[in-house]
Amino acid sequence: MNIETIESIFNDHEKVVQKSRTLFPVILDMADICRRALAEGHKILICGNGGSAADAQHIAAEFVGRFHNERVSLPSIALTTDTSILTAVANDYSYDRVFARQVEGLGNKGDVLWGISTSGNSRNVNEALKTARQKGLVTIGSTGKTGGDMVSLCDRVLVVPDDVTARIQEIHMLSAHIICQLIDDLEWKQ
């Protein structure tokens, strides 16, 4: 362990942040998609695996709780949290269906499904996006690398221009926090 390793990681992070500045219009569009859905009384469903599952939970908590400003609670559900649903669907159907099945039961036309996958090729996330499209939800995604299969399944997708999972996840959360801030700054009626 040494300072050089830390400095190298910080430098890599800064390079990815600089490359990601081209994503500002995508971030703004994703915030507007979420804002419109919430303003029209719809909800945001979010899913991902591993670190992306934790990000899904984090984002949902920012909407339901608050990010920065005091405001009404905004409806958002992380599809990663109910272990009974996850294990039952994985057992009875397949792990590829754990999020799609929840979209079938919880999603309504006009809601947003936000899929998170650093590769864009997570089958269970992509199956959920397919189901969401069939049901009339708006689909957004956060991915990286080349974007994978997710790109064709989303109405708007943020593709972080890097190949390192940790750097992609860092930009995902930075972008999610920006989206939360943009939404938080709006006037929400009680």
C-alpha atoms as a PDB file:
ATOM      1  CA  MET A   1       0.000   0.000   0.000  1.00  0.00           C
ATOM      2  CA  ASN A   2       1.308   3.382  -0.963  1.00  0.00           C
ATOM      3  CA  ILE A   3       0.349   6.920  -1.890  1.00  0.00           C
ATOM      4  CA  GLU A   4       1.228   6.288  -5.560  1.00  0.00           C
ATOM      5  CA  THR A   5      -1.571   3.718  -5.854  1.00  0.00           C
ATOM      6  CA  ILE A   6      -4.070   6.165  -4.402  1.00  0.00           C
ATOM      7  CA  GLU A   7      -2.850   8.934  -6.691  1.00  0.00           C
ATOM      8  CA  SER A   8      -3.100   6.620  -9.706  1.00  0.00           C
ATOM      9  CA  ILE A   9      -6.715   5.732  -8.876  1.00  0.00           C
ATOM     10  CA  PHE A  10      -7.621   9.396  -8.373  1.00  0.00           C
ATOM     11  CA  ASN A  11      -5.989  10.216 -11.717  1.00  0.00           C
ATOM     12  CA  ASP A  12      -7.921   7.461 -13.457  1.00  0.00           C
ATOM     13  CA  HIS A  13     -11.137   8.717 -11.871  1.00  0.00           C
ATOM     14  CA  GLU A  14     -10.447  12.281 -13.028  1.00  0.00           C
ATOM     15  CA  LYS A  15      -9.795  11.073 -16.601  1.00  0.00           C
ATOM     16  CA  VAL A  16     -13.136   9.256 -16.700  1.00  0.00           C
ATOM     17  CA  VAL A  17     -14.917  12.294 -15.250  1.00  0.00           C
ATOM     18  CA  GLN A  18     -13.425  14.436 -18.022  1.00  0.00           C
ATOM     19  CA  LYS A  19     -14.424  11.933 -20.740  1.00  0.00           C
ATOM     20  CA  SER A  20     -17.934  11.765 -19.242  1.00  0.00           C
ATOM     21  CA  ARG A  21     -18.571  15.494 -19.635  1.00  0.00           C
ATOM     22  CA  THR A  22     -20.026  14.625 -23.051  1.00  0.00           C
ATOM     23  CA  LEU A  23     -22.861  12.903 -21.165  1.00  0.00           C
ATOM     24  CA  PHE A  24     -24.374  16.113 -19.757  1.00  0.00           C
ATOM     25  CA  PRO A  25     -27.275  16.113 -22.301  1.00  0.00           C
ATOM     26  CA  VAL A  26     -28.053  12.461 -21.484  1.00  0.00           C
ATOM     27  CA  ILE A  27     -28.078  13.182 -17.747  1.00  0.00           C
ATOM     28  CA  LEU A  28     -30.402  16.134 -18.331  1.00  0.00           C
ATOM     29  CA  ASP A  29     -32.733  13.991 -20.469  1.00  0.00           C
ATOM     30  CA  MET A  30     -32.806  11.220 -17.849  1.00  0.00           C
ATOM     31  CA  ALA A  31     -33.652  13.771 -15.151  1.00  0.00           C
ATOM     32  CA  ASP A  32     -36.434  15.185 -17.323  1.00  0.00           C
ATOM     33  CA  ILE A  33     -37.857  11.705 -18.005  1.00  0.00           C
ATOM     34  CA  CYS A  34     -37.954  11.009 -14.259  1.00  0.00           C
ATOM     35  CA  ARG A  35     -39.362  14.458 -13.473  1.00  0.00           C
ATOM     36  CA  ARG A  36     -42.173  14.124 -16.014  1.00  0.00           C
ATOM     37  CA  ALA A  37     -43.145  10.676 -14.757  1.00  0.00           C
ATOM     38  CA  LEU A  38     -43.162  11.786 -11.126  1.00  0.00           C
ATOM     39  CA  ALA A  39     -45.097  14.984 -11.913  1.00  0.00           C
ATOM     40  CA  GLU A  40     -47.748  12.879 -13.684  1.00  0.00           C
ATOM     41  CA  GLY A  41     -48.158  10.600 -10.640  1.00  0.00           C
ATOM     42  CA  HIS A  42     -46.030   7.712 -11.881  1.00  0.00           C
ATOM     43  CA  LYS A  43     -43.186   5.916 -10.119  1.00  0.00           C
ATOM     44  CA  ILE A  44     -39.603   4.976 -10.837  1.00  0.00           C
ATOM     45  CA  LEU A  45     -38.540   1.324 -10.640  1.00  0.00           C
ATOM     46  CA  ILE A  46     -34.793   0.638 -10.500  1.00  0.00           C
ATOM     47  CA  CYS A  47     -32.791  -2.571 -10.845  1.00  0.00           C
ATOM     48  CA  GLY A  48     -29.236  -3.875 -11.124  1.00  0.00           C
ATOM     49  CA  ASN A  49     -26.931  -6.604  -9.800  1.00  0.00           C
ATOM     50  CA  GLY A  50     -24.140  -6.485  -7.230  1.00  0.00           C
ATOM     51  CA  GLY A  51     -22.839  -2.935  -6.853  1.00  0.00           C
ATOM     52  CA  SER A  52     -25.534  -1.803  -9.278  1.00  0.00           C
ATOM     53  CA  ALA A  53     -28.152  -3.336  -6.940  1.00  0.00           C
ATOM     54  CA  ALA A  54     -26.753  -1.203  -4.143  1.00  0.00           C
ATOM     55  CA  ASP A  55     -26.875   1.820  -6.471  1.00  0.00           C
ATOM     56  CA  ALA A  56     -30.531   1.043  -7.297  1.00  0.00           C
ATOM     57  CA  GLN A  57     -31.358   1.024  -3.586  1.00  0.00           C
ATOM     58  CA  HIS A  58     -29.372   4.202  -3.011  1.00  0.00           C
ATOM     59  CA  ILE A  59     -31.184   6.065  -5.802  1.00  0.00           C
ATOM     60  CA  ALA A  60     -34.634   4.876  -4.685  1.00  0.00           C
ATOM     61  CA  ALA A  61     -33.844   6.057  -1.141  1.00  0.00           C
ATOM     62  CA  GLU A  62     -32.912   9.529  -2.444  1.00  0.00           C
ATOM     63  CA  PHE A  63     -36.300   9.842  -4.167  1.00  0.00           C
ATOM     64  CA  VAL A  64     -38.430   8.417  -1.344  1.00  0.00           C
ATOM     65  CA  GLY A  65     -36.501  10.189   1.412  1.00  0.00           C
ATOM     66  CA  ARG A  66     -34.903  13.304   0.065  1.00  0.00           C
ATOM     67  CA  PHE A  67     -31.645  14.136  -1.588  1.00  0.00           C
ATOM     68  CA  HIS A  68     -30.851  17.660  -0.439  1.00  0.00           C
ATOM     69  CA  ASN A  69     -33.989  19.765  -0.160  1.00  0.00           C
ATOM     70  CA  GLU A  70     -36.992  19.159   2.036  1.00  0.00           C
ATOM     71  CA  ARG A  71     -39.849  18.029  -0.241  1.00  0.00           C
ATOM     72  CA  VAL A  72     -42.617  15.466  -0.543  1.00  0.00           C
ATOM     73  CA  SER A  73     -41.631  11.829  -0.857  1.00  0.00           C
ATOM     74  CA  LEU A  74     -41.364  10.722  -4.502  1.00  0.00           C
ATOM     75  CA  PRO A  75     -42.422   7.166  -5.435  1.00  0.00           C
ATOM     76  CA  SER A  76     -39.494   4.946  -6.313  1.00  0.00           C
ATOM     77  CA  ILE A  77     -38.871   1.237  -5.766  1.00  0.00           C
ATOM     78  CA  ALA A  78     -35.606  -0.691  -5.934  1.00  0.00           C
ATOM     79  CA  LEU A  79     -36.465  -4.111  -7.362  1.00  0.00           C
ATOM     80  CA  THR A  80     -33.394  -5.533  -5.629  1.00  0.00           C
ATOM     81  CA  THR A  81     -34.602  -5.572  -2.038  1.00  0.00           C
ATOM     82  CA  ASP A  82     -37.315  -8.190  -1.558  1.00  0.00           C
ATOM     83  CA  THR A  83     -35.456 -11.449  -0.971  1.00  0.00           C
ATOM     84  CA  SER A  84     -38.667 -13.469  -0.946  1.00  0.00           C
ATOM     85  CA  ILE A  85     -39.584 -12.257  -4.434  1.00  0.00           C
ATOM     86  CA  LEU A  86     -36.015 -12.600  -5.724  1.00  0.00           C
ATOM     87  CA  THR A  87     -35.568 -16.151  -4.470  1.00  0.00           C
ATOM     88  CA  ALA A  88     -39.060 -17.341  -5.398  1.00  0.00           C
ATOM     89  CA  VAL A  89     -38.852 -16.026  -8.955  1.00  0.00           C
ATOM     90  CA  ALA A  90     -35.288 -17.304  -9.381  1.00  0.00           C
ATOM     91  CA  ASN A  91     -36.399 -20.726  -8.160  1.00  0.00           C
ATOM     92  CA  ASP A  92     -39.763 -20.954  -9.940  1.00  0.00           C
ATOM     93  CA  TYR A  93     -38.777 -19.288 -13.226  1.00  0.00           C
ATOM     94  CA  SER A  94     -35.109 -18.312 -13.537  1.00  0.00           C
ATOM     95  CA  TYR A  95     -32.751 -15.656 -12.272  1.00  0.00           C
ATOM     96  CA  ASP A  96     -33.153 -13.940 -15.646  1.00  0.00           C
ATOM     97  CA  ARG A  97     -36.783 -13.138 -14.664  1.00  0.00           C
ATOM     98  CA  VAL A  98     -36.288 -11.729 -11.129  1.00  0.00           C
ATOM     99  CA  PHE A  99     -36.760  -8.118 -12.223  1.00  0.00           C
ATOM    100  CA  ALA A 100     -39.056  -8.675 -15.221  1.00  0.00           C
ATOM    101  CA  ARG A 101     -41.598 -10.447 -13.023  1.00  0.00           C
ATOM    102  CA  GLN A 102     -41.646  -7.473 -10.650  1.00  0.00           C
ATOM    103  CA  VAL A 103     -42.110  -5.082 -13.578  1.00  0.00           C
ATOM    104  CA  GLU A 104     -45.077  -7.227 -14.658  1.00  0.00           C
ATOM    105  CA  GLY A 105     -46.672  -6.867 -11.211  1.00  0.00           C
ATOM    106  CA  LEU A 106     -45.638  -3.367 -10.180  1.00  0.00           C
ATOM    107  CA  GLY A 107     -45.079  -1.427 -13.387  1.00  0.00           C
ATOM    108  CA  ASN A 108     -47.740   0.654 -15.094  1.00  0.00           C
ATOM    109  CA  LYS A 109     -47.781   2.593 -18.330  1.00  0.00           C
ATOM    110  CA  GLY A 110     -46.030   5.921 -17.750  1.00  0.00           C
ATOM    111  CA  ASP A 111     -43.758   4.613 -14.981  1.00  0.00           C
ATOM    112  CA  VAL A 112     -40.003   4.603 -15.524  1.00  0.00           C
ATOM    113  CA  LEU A 113     -37.754   1.558 -15.346  1.00  0.00           C
ATOM    114  CA  TRP A 114     -34.122   2.480 -14.724  1.00  0.00           C
ATOM    115  CA  GLY A 115     -31.781  -0.424 -15.434  1.00  0.00           C
ATOM    116  CA  ILE A 116     -28.195  -0.362 -14.221  1.00  0.00           C
ATOM    117  CA  SER A 117     -25.508  -2.673 -15.632  1.00  0.00           C
ATOM    118  CA  THR A 118     -21.858  -1.761 -16.108  1.00  0.00           C
ATOM    119  CA  SER A 119     -21.607  -4.063 -19.141  1.00  0.00           C
ATOM    120  CA  GLY A 120     -25.120  -3.505 -20.477  1.00  0.00           C
ATOM    121  CA  ASN A 121     -25.450  -7.271 -20.858  1.00  0.00           C
ATOM    122  CA  SER A 122     -27.047  -8.327 -17.564  1.00  0.00           C
ATOM    123  CA  ARG A 123     -29.792 -10.668 -18.746  1.00  0.00           C
ATOM    124  CA  ASN A 124     -32.113 -10.046 -15.816  1.00  0.00           C
ATOM    125  CA  VAL A 125     -31.873  -6.256 -16.208  1.00  0.00           C
ATOM    126  CA  ASN A 126     -32.387  -6.482 -19.968  1.00  0.00           C
ATOM    127  CA  GLU A 127     -35.365  -8.833 -19.557  1.00  0.00           C
ATOM    128  CA  ALA A 128     -36.903  -6.259 -17.208  1.00  0.00           C
ATOM    129  CA  LEU A 129     -36.333  -3.526 -19.796  1.00  0.00           C
ATOM    130  CA  LYS A 130     -38.033  -5.664 -22.468  1.00  0.00           C
ATOM    131  CA  THR A 131     -41.016  -6.277 -20.179  1.00  0.00           C
ATOM    132  CA  ALA A 132     -41.176  -2.593 -19.317  1.00  0.00           C
ATOM    133  CA  ARG A 133     -41.330  -1.624 -22.973  1.00  0.00           C
ATOM    134  CA  GLN A 134     -44.120  -4.151 -23.587  1.00  0.00           C
ATOM    135  CA  LYS A 135     -46.111  -2.601 -20.717  1.00  0.00           C
ATOM    136  CA  GLY A 136     -45.569   1.013 -21.853  1.00  0.00           C
ATOM    137  CA  LEU A 137     -43.027   2.107 -19.253  1.00  0.00           C
ATOM    138  CA  VAL A 138     -40.327   4.563 -20.220  1.00  0.00           C
ATOM    139  CA  THR A 139     -36.927   2.860 -20.079  1.00  0.00           C
ATOM    140  CA  ILE A 140     -33.662   4.477 -19.083  1.00  0.00           C
ATOM    141  CA  GLY A 141     -30.322   2.877 -18.370  1.00  0.00           C
ATOM    142  CA  SER A 142     -26.887   3.393 -16.910  1.00  0.00           C
ATOM    143  CA  THR A 143     -24.098   1.316 -18.426  1.00  0.00           C
ATOM    144  CA  GLY A 144     -20.514   1.542 -19.622  1.00  0.00           C
ATOM    145  CA  LYS A 145     -17.972   0.047 -22.005  1.00  0.00           C
ATOM    146  CA  THR A 146     -19.762  -0.312 -25.373  1.00  0.00           C
ATOM    147  CA  GLY A 147     -23.226  -0.163 -23.799  1.00  0.00           C
ATOM    148  CA  GLY A 148     -24.023  -3.787 -24.577  1.00  0.00           C
ATOM    149  CA  ASP A 149     -27.520  -5.001 -25.390  1.00  0.00           C
ATOM    150  CA  MET A 150     -29.027  -2.449 -23.016  1.00  0.00           C
ATOM    151  CA  VAL A 151     -28.567   0.369 -25.532  1.00  0.00           C
ATOM    152  CA  SER A 152     -31.306  -0.949 -27.828  1.00  0.00           C
ATOM    153  CA  LEU A 153     -33.706  -1.486 -24.895  1.00  0.00           C
ATOM    154  CA  CYS A 154     -33.668   2.038 -23.470  1.00  0.00           C
ATOM    155  CA  ASP A 155     -35.389   5.234 -24.493  1.00  0.00           C
ATOM    156  CA  ARG A 156     -32.347   7.044 -23.073  1.00  0.00           C
ATOM    157  CA  VAL A 157     -29.114   5.457 -21.906  1.00  0.00           C
ATOM    158  CA  LEU A 158     -26.001   6.771 -20.198  1.00  0.00           C
ATOM    159  CA  VAL A 159     -22.941   4.913 -21.514  1.00  0.00           C
ATOM    160  CA  VAL A 160     -19.875   5.760 -19.429  1.00  0.00           C
ATOM    161  CA  PRO A 161     -16.882   5.870 -21.799  1.00  0.00           C
ATOM    162  CA  ASP A 162     -14.601   3.507 -19.891  1.00  0.00           C
ATOM    163  CA  ASP A 163     -13.921  -0.218 -19.405  1.00  0.00           C
ATOM    164  CA  VAL A 164     -13.133  -0.320 -15.674  1.00  0.00           C
ATOM    165  CA  THR A 165     -16.149  -1.373 -13.601  1.00  0.00           C
ATOM    166  CA  ALA A 166     -15.230   0.757 -10.579  1.00  0.00           C
ATOM    167  CA  ARG A 167     -14.838   3.917 -12.689  1.00  0.00           C
ATOM    168  CA  ILE A 168     -18.130   3.211 -14.489  1.00  0.00           C
ATOM    169  CA  GLN A 169     -19.923   2.786 -11.150  1.00  0.00           C
ATOM    170  CA  GLU A 170     -18.451   6.041  -9.856  1.00  0.00           C
ATOM    171  CA  ILE A 171     -19.855   7.956 -12.831  1.00  0.00           C
ATOM    172  CA  HIS A 172     -23.186   6.135 -12.472  1.00  0.00           C
ATOM    173  CA  MET A 173     -23.564   7.436  -8.923  1.00  0.00           C
ATOM    174  CA  LEU A 174     -22.302  10.920  -9.774  1.00  0.00           C
ATOM    175  CA  SER A 175     -24.878  11.066 -12.578  1.00  0.00           C
ATOM    176  CA  ALA A 176     -27.624   9.660 -10.327  1.00  0.00           C
ATOM    177  CA  HIS A 177     -26.847  12.271  -7.681  1.00  0.00           C
ATOM    178  CA  ILE A 178     -27.044  14.999 -10.328  1.00  0.00           C
ATOM    179  CA  ILE A 179     -30.419  13.650 -11.464  1.00  0.00           C
ATOM    180  CA  CYS A 180     -31.620  13.603  -7.850  1.00  0.00           C
ATOM    181  CA  GLN A 181     -30.410  17.193  -7.353  1.00  0.00           C
ATOM    182  CA  LEU A 182     -32.141  18.414 -10.531  1.00  0.00           C
ATOM    183  CA  ILE A 183     -35.386  16.798  -9.373  1.00  0.00           C
ATOM    184  CA  ASP A 184     -34.963  17.957  -5.765  1.00  0.00           C
ATOM    185  CA  ASP A 185     -34.620  21.553  -6.931  1.00  0.00           C
ATOM    186  CA  LEU A 186     -38.121  21.555  -8.426  1.00  0.00           C
ATOM    187  CA  GLU A 187     -41.270  22.668  -6.640  1.00  0.00           C
ATOM    188  CA  TRP A 188     -43.203  19.608  -5.466  1.00  0.00           C
ATOM    189  CA  LYS A 189     -46.775  19.950  -4.236  1.00  0.00           C
ATOM    190  CA  GLN A 190     -47.743  18.358  -0.941  1.00  0.00           C
END
